[in-house]
N, C-alpha and C. Protein backbone atom coordinates (compact mmCIF):
# COMPACT_ATOMS: atom_id res chain seq x y z
N MET A 1 0.83 -1.17 0.00
CA MET A 1 0.00 0.00 0.00
C MET A 1 0.88 1.24 0.00
N ARG A 2 0.53 2.19 -0.81
CA ARG A 2 1.28 3.44 -0.90
C ARG A 2 0.52 4.53 -0.15
N ARG A 3 1.17 5.19 0.77
CA ARG A 3 0.54 6.27 1.53
C ARG A 3 1.19 7.58 1.15
N VAL A 4 0.37 8.58 0.89
CA VAL A 4 0.89 9.91 0.55
C VAL A 4 0.14 10.98 1.33
N VAL A 5 0.76 12.11 1.45
CA VAL A 5 0.14 13.30 2.02
C VAL A 5 0.15 14.35 0.93
N LEU A 6 -0.98 15.01 0.74
CA LEU A 6 -1.04 16.13 -0.19
C LEU A 6 -0.97 17.42 0.62
N HIS A 7 -0.10 18.32 0.18
CA HIS A 7 0.16 19.56 0.91
C HIS A 7 -0.16 20.75 0.00
N TRP A 8 -0.98 21.66 0.48
CA TRP A 8 -1.31 22.88 -0.27
C TRP A 8 -0.23 23.91 0.00
N ASN A 9 0.44 24.36 -1.04
CA ASN A 9 1.54 25.31 -0.86
C ASN A 9 1.11 26.76 -1.08
N GLY A 10 -0.21 26.98 -1.17
CA GLY A 10 -0.73 28.33 -1.40
C GLY A 10 -1.14 28.55 -2.83
N ALA A 11 -0.65 27.70 -3.74
CA ALA A 11 -0.99 27.83 -5.16
C ALA A 11 -1.47 26.52 -5.77
N SER A 12 -0.93 25.41 -5.27
CA SER A 12 -1.32 24.11 -5.83
C SER A 12 -1.06 23.01 -4.79
N TRP A 13 -1.65 21.84 -5.04
CA TRP A 13 -1.42 20.68 -4.19
C TRP A 13 -0.14 20.00 -4.62
N GLN A 14 0.69 19.64 -3.65
CA GLN A 14 1.92 18.91 -3.93
C GLN A 14 1.96 17.65 -3.08
N GLN A 15 2.47 16.60 -3.67
CA GLN A 15 2.55 15.32 -2.97
C GLN A 15 3.80 15.24 -2.13
N ALA A 16 3.65 14.76 -0.90
CA ALA A 16 4.78 14.53 0.00
C ALA A 16 4.67 13.09 0.47
N GLU A 17 5.47 12.20 -0.07
CA GLU A 17 5.39 10.79 0.30
C GLU A 17 5.78 10.60 1.75
N LEU A 18 5.04 9.72 2.42
CA LEU A 18 5.34 9.42 3.82
C LEU A 18 6.57 8.52 3.92
N PRO A 19 7.51 8.86 4.81
CA PRO A 19 8.71 8.05 4.99
C PRO A 19 8.48 6.89 5.96
N ILE A 20 7.49 6.05 5.65
CA ILE A 20 7.16 4.93 6.53
C ILE A 20 6.87 3.69 5.69
N GLU A 21 6.90 2.55 6.37
CA GLU A 21 6.55 1.29 5.71
C GLU A 21 5.31 0.73 6.38
N SER A 22 5.21 -0.59 6.52
CA SER A 22 4.05 -1.24 7.11
C SER A 22 3.84 -0.74 8.53
N THR A 23 2.71 -0.12 8.75
CA THR A 23 2.50 0.55 10.02
C THR A 23 1.04 0.92 10.22
N THR A 24 0.73 1.38 11.40
CA THR A 24 -0.58 1.94 11.69
C THR A 24 -0.44 3.43 11.97
N LEU A 25 -1.20 4.24 11.26
CA LEU A 25 -1.22 5.68 11.51
C LEU A 25 -2.37 5.95 12.46
N ASN A 26 -2.04 6.40 13.68
CA ASN A 26 -3.09 6.60 14.67
C ASN A 26 -3.76 7.95 14.58
N GLU A 27 -3.02 8.98 14.43
CA GLU A 27 -3.56 10.34 14.46
C GLU A 27 -2.86 11.19 13.42
N ILE A 28 -3.61 12.07 12.81
CA ILE A 28 -3.05 13.05 11.89
C ILE A 28 -3.67 14.39 12.26
N ARG A 29 -2.82 15.40 12.51
CA ARG A 29 -3.30 16.72 12.90
C ARG A 29 -2.47 17.80 12.21
N ALA A 30 -3.14 18.85 11.80
CA ALA A 30 -2.45 20.04 11.30
C ALA A 30 -2.25 20.99 12.46
N ASP A 31 -1.15 21.74 12.43
CA ASP A 31 -0.98 22.78 13.44
C ASP A 31 -1.28 24.14 12.79
N LYS A 32 -1.32 25.18 13.57
CA LYS A 32 -1.72 26.49 13.06
C LYS A 32 -0.57 27.28 12.46
N VAL A 33 0.59 26.65 12.36
CA VAL A 33 1.73 27.34 11.78
C VAL A 33 2.24 26.64 10.51
N GLY A 34 1.36 25.87 9.87
CA GLY A 34 1.69 25.31 8.56
C GLY A 34 2.24 23.90 8.53
N GLY A 35 2.25 23.21 9.64
CA GLY A 35 2.79 21.85 9.65
C GLY A 35 1.71 20.80 9.83
N VAL A 36 2.10 19.56 9.65
CA VAL A 36 1.20 18.43 9.92
C VAL A 36 1.96 17.43 10.77
N TRP A 37 1.25 16.82 11.73
CA TRP A 37 1.81 15.83 12.65
C TRP A 37 1.12 14.51 12.41
N ILE A 38 1.87 13.40 12.40
CA ILE A 38 1.30 12.08 12.21
C ILE A 38 1.86 11.15 13.27
N GLY A 39 0.97 10.55 14.06
CA GLY A 39 1.36 9.57 15.07
C GLY A 39 1.47 8.20 14.43
N VAL A 40 2.60 7.51 14.63
CA VAL A 40 2.88 6.25 13.94
C VAL A 40 3.20 5.15 14.95
N ASN A 41 2.50 4.02 14.80
CA ASN A 41 2.79 2.82 15.59
C ASN A 41 3.19 1.72 14.60
N PRO A 42 4.49 1.55 14.36
CA PRO A 42 4.92 0.55 13.38
C PRO A 42 4.63 -0.88 13.82
N ASP A 43 4.55 -1.76 12.84
CA ASP A 43 4.37 -3.18 13.14
C ASP A 43 5.55 -3.72 13.93
N ARG A 44 6.73 -3.16 13.68
CA ARG A 44 7.96 -3.54 14.41
C ARG A 44 8.67 -2.28 14.85
N GLY A 45 9.25 -2.33 16.02
CA GLY A 45 10.00 -1.18 16.52
C GLY A 45 9.11 -0.23 17.31
N GLY A 46 9.73 0.85 17.77
CA GLY A 46 9.04 1.80 18.63
C GLY A 46 8.17 2.79 17.88
N SER A 47 7.22 3.36 18.61
CA SER A 47 6.32 4.36 18.06
C SER A 47 7.04 5.70 17.91
N TYR A 48 6.52 6.54 17.01
CA TYR A 48 7.12 7.84 16.79
C TYR A 48 6.09 8.79 16.19
N VAL A 49 6.48 10.06 16.12
CA VAL A 49 5.64 11.08 15.52
C VAL A 49 6.42 11.72 14.38
N LEU A 50 5.77 11.84 13.22
CA LEU A 50 6.36 12.52 12.08
C LEU A 50 5.81 13.94 12.02
N ASN A 51 6.65 14.88 11.62
CA ASN A 51 6.23 16.26 11.43
C ASN A 51 6.67 16.70 10.04
N PHE A 52 5.73 17.24 9.26
CA PHE A 52 6.05 17.76 7.93
C PHE A 52 5.90 19.26 7.96
N ARG A 53 6.99 19.96 7.67
CA ARG A 53 6.99 21.42 7.65
C ARG A 53 8.07 21.89 6.71
N ALA A 54 7.75 22.91 5.95
CA ALA A 54 8.71 23.54 5.02
C ALA A 54 9.30 22.51 4.06
N GLY A 55 8.47 21.57 3.60
CA GLY A 55 8.90 20.63 2.58
C GLY A 55 9.74 19.46 3.06
N ARG A 56 9.85 19.26 4.38
CA ARG A 56 10.66 18.12 4.84
C ARG A 56 10.03 17.47 6.07
N TRP A 57 10.37 16.20 6.27
CA TRP A 57 9.89 15.41 7.39
C TRP A 57 10.93 15.37 8.50
N THR A 58 10.48 15.44 9.74
CA THR A 58 11.33 15.14 10.89
C THR A 58 10.61 14.06 11.70
N ARG A 59 11.37 13.33 12.48
CA ARG A 59 10.83 12.19 13.22
C ARG A 59 11.26 12.28 14.67
N ALA A 60 10.30 12.10 15.60
CA ALA A 60 10.59 12.09 17.03
C ALA A 60 10.12 10.75 17.60
N ALA A 61 11.07 9.94 18.05
CA ALA A 61 10.74 8.64 18.63
C ALA A 61 10.22 8.81 20.05
N LEU A 62 9.23 8.01 20.42
CA LEU A 62 8.75 8.00 21.80
C LEU A 62 9.60 7.02 22.60
N PRO A 63 10.07 7.42 23.78
CA PRO A 63 10.89 6.52 24.59
C PRO A 63 10.12 5.27 25.03
N ARG A 64 8.82 5.44 25.28
CA ARG A 64 7.97 4.32 25.73
C ARG A 64 6.55 4.54 25.23
N GLY A 65 5.81 3.46 25.12
CA GLY A 65 4.39 3.55 24.80
C GLY A 65 4.10 3.61 23.31
N ARG A 66 2.80 3.49 23.01
CA ARG A 66 2.31 3.58 21.64
C ARG A 66 1.44 4.82 21.51
N VAL A 67 1.56 5.51 20.38
CA VAL A 67 0.81 6.73 20.16
C VAL A 67 -0.68 6.45 20.24
N GLY A 68 -1.37 7.23 21.05
CA GLY A 68 -2.82 7.15 21.12
C GLY A 68 -3.43 8.37 20.46
N ARG A 69 -3.33 9.50 21.12
CA ARG A 69 -3.86 10.76 20.60
C ARG A 69 -2.75 11.79 20.51
N ILE A 70 -2.90 12.73 19.58
CA ILE A 70 -1.97 13.85 19.47
C ILE A 70 -2.78 15.14 19.38
N ALA A 71 -2.22 16.23 19.91
CA ALA A 71 -2.91 17.52 19.87
C ALA A 71 -1.87 18.62 19.74
N PRO A 72 -1.97 19.43 18.69
CA PRO A 72 -1.06 20.58 18.56
C PRO A 72 -1.25 21.56 19.72
N ILE A 73 -0.17 22.18 20.15
CA ILE A 73 -0.22 23.20 21.19
C ILE A 73 -0.53 24.51 20.48
N PRO A 74 -1.68 25.14 20.75
CA PRO A 74 -2.10 26.33 20.01
C PRO A 74 -1.03 27.42 19.95
N GLY A 75 -0.87 28.01 18.75
CA GLY A 75 0.04 29.12 18.55
C GLY A 75 1.51 28.76 18.52
N THR A 76 1.83 27.47 18.53
CA THR A 76 3.23 27.04 18.53
C THR A 76 3.44 25.96 17.48
N THR A 77 4.66 25.50 17.37
CA THR A 77 4.96 24.34 16.53
C THR A 77 5.00 23.07 17.36
N GLY A 78 4.58 23.15 18.62
CA GLY A 78 4.63 22.02 19.55
C GLY A 78 3.43 21.10 19.47
N LEU A 79 3.58 19.95 20.12
CA LEU A 79 2.57 18.91 20.08
C LEU A 79 2.55 18.17 21.41
N LEU A 80 1.36 17.80 21.87
CA LEU A 80 1.22 16.90 23.00
C LEU A 80 0.85 15.53 22.47
N VAL A 81 1.48 14.49 23.01
CA VAL A 81 1.22 13.12 22.59
C VAL A 81 0.78 12.32 23.80
N LEU A 82 -0.38 11.68 23.69
CA LEU A 82 -0.83 10.75 24.71
C LEU A 82 -0.47 9.36 24.22
N ALA A 83 0.35 8.67 24.99
CA ALA A 83 0.79 7.32 24.62
C ALA A 83 0.32 6.35 25.70
N GLN A 84 0.16 5.11 25.30
CA GLN A 84 -0.26 4.09 26.25
C GLN A 84 0.77 2.97 26.26
N GLU A 85 1.09 2.53 27.49
CA GLU A 85 2.02 1.42 27.67
C GLU A 85 1.31 0.39 28.54
N GLY A 86 1.02 -0.76 27.97
CA GLY A 86 0.26 -1.76 28.70
C GLY A 86 -1.19 -1.33 28.85
N LYS A 87 -1.87 -1.97 29.79
CA LYS A 87 -3.29 -1.70 29.96
C LYS A 87 -3.58 -0.43 30.76
N ASP A 88 -2.77 -0.15 31.78
CA ASP A 88 -3.11 0.91 32.73
C ASP A 88 -2.11 2.07 32.80
N THR A 89 -1.13 2.12 31.94
CA THR A 89 -0.13 3.18 32.01
C THR A 89 -0.27 4.12 30.83
N PHE A 90 -0.51 5.41 31.14
CA PHE A 90 -0.61 6.43 30.12
C PHE A 90 0.51 7.44 30.31
N LEU A 91 1.10 7.88 29.22
CA LEU A 91 2.22 8.81 29.24
C LEU A 91 1.86 10.01 28.39
N ILE A 92 2.32 11.20 28.80
CA ILE A 92 2.12 12.40 27.99
C ILE A 92 3.49 12.95 27.65
N TYR A 93 3.71 13.15 26.35
CA TYR A 93 4.97 13.74 25.85
C TYR A 93 4.67 15.09 25.24
N GLU A 94 5.61 16.02 25.40
CA GLU A 94 5.52 17.31 24.72
C GLU A 94 6.65 17.37 23.71
N LEU A 95 6.30 17.56 22.45
CA LEU A 95 7.30 17.66 21.39
C LEU A 95 7.33 19.09 20.86
N ARG A 96 8.51 19.60 20.59
CA ARG A 96 8.68 20.95 20.05
C ARG A 96 9.57 20.91 18.84
């Protein structure tokens, strides 16, 4: 399966291929400063969050847990990530 993101650059839609393989995408959110955040739980390996801004992807690995929900921090390029580890452990990460 091929996954792509279409990004509006102000004049036209441009394709930005996702730098991922077999995986589950849990959450996708736009922030108010022109970026998009994608929570990723791969079939193998640790969970992470992708950020697309200014034509490039960056990746932030979570130390523990699997991405549940993500929420942009208003007025910033930051993000809050709610991750779950096991049945009863929830973790909150702040990414900037």
